[in-house]
Amino acid sequence: MLEYLRVVAPQRAYAVHDGLVSDWGLRVLDGVLAGGAERSGAEVRRPAVGETVDL
């Protein structure tokens, strides 16, 4: 994901492959992704379970 943010530089990205990660792990992951997103100017958010997103 970080490499994608750096190379592709999207305006928005979605973290979706983390269903087995613990609450603590998700906080760590969110922090890492937030740092990468801030550097690239992207918005990163985690869709809620069952939420759909138009791309």
Protein backbone atom coordinates (compact mmCIF):
# COMPACT_ATOMS: atom_id res chain seq x y z
CA MET A 1 0.00 0.00 0.00
CA LEU A 2 2.79 2.41 0.87
CA GLU A 3 4.56 1.68 -2.41
CA TYR A 4 1.26 2.19 -4.26
CA LEU A 5 0.78 5.57 -2.55
CA ARG A 6 4.33 6.59 -3.43
CA VAL A 7 4.40 5.39 -7.06
CA VAL A 8 0.81 5.86 -8.23
CA ALA A 9 0.05 8.89 -6.01
CA PRO A 10 -3.74 8.43 -5.99
CA GLN A 11 -5.99 11.10 -4.54
CA ARG A 12 -7.75 8.42 -2.46
CA ALA A 13 -6.92 4.84 -1.45
CA TYR A 14 -8.81 2.17 0.51
CA ALA A 15 -7.27 -0.32 2.94
CA VAL A 16 -9.26 -3.53 2.42
CA HIS A 17 -7.09 -6.62 3.07
CA ASP A 18 -6.90 -6.57 6.85
CA GLY A 19 -9.86 -8.59 8.13
CA LEU A 20 -7.69 -10.81 10.35
CA VAL A 21 -5.66 -8.02 11.94
CA SER A 22 -6.30 -7.25 15.63
CA ASP A 23 -7.58 -3.89 16.91
CA TRP A 24 -4.08 -3.00 18.07
CA GLY A 25 -2.60 -4.07 14.72
CA LEU A 26 -5.16 -1.95 12.87
CA ARG A 27 -4.16 1.10 14.93
CA VAL A 28 -0.52 0.52 13.99
CA LEU A 29 -1.42 -0.06 10.33
CA ASP A 30 -3.64 3.04 10.26
CA GLY A 31 -0.77 5.11 11.66
CA VAL A 32 1.67 3.83 9.05
CA LEU A 33 -0.82 4.37 6.23
CA ALA A 34 -1.72 7.85 7.53
CA GLY A 35 1.95 8.84 7.43
CA GLY A 36 2.32 7.59 3.86
CA ALA A 37 -0.93 9.22 2.80
CA GLU A 38 0.11 12.55 4.32
CA ARG A 39 3.42 12.48 2.45
CA SER A 40 1.67 11.71 -0.85
CA GLY A 41 -1.36 13.98 -0.34
CA ALA A 42 -3.82 11.06 -0.51
CA GLU A 43 -6.85 10.29 1.64
CA VAL A 44 -6.79 6.76 3.10
CA ARG A 45 -9.82 5.37 4.89
CA ARG A 46 -11.02 1.98 6.02
CA PRO A 47 -14.45 1.02 4.62
CA ALA A 48 -16.84 -0.29 7.28
CA VAL A 49 -17.82 -3.96 7.10
CA GLY A 50 -20.44 -4.23 4.37
CA GLU A 51 -19.84 -0.68 3.08
CA THR A 52 -19.57 -0.31 -0.69
CA VAL A 53 -17.43 2.27 -2.42
CA ASP A 54 -17.82 3.65 -5.93
CA LEU A 55 -14.41 3.85 -7.59
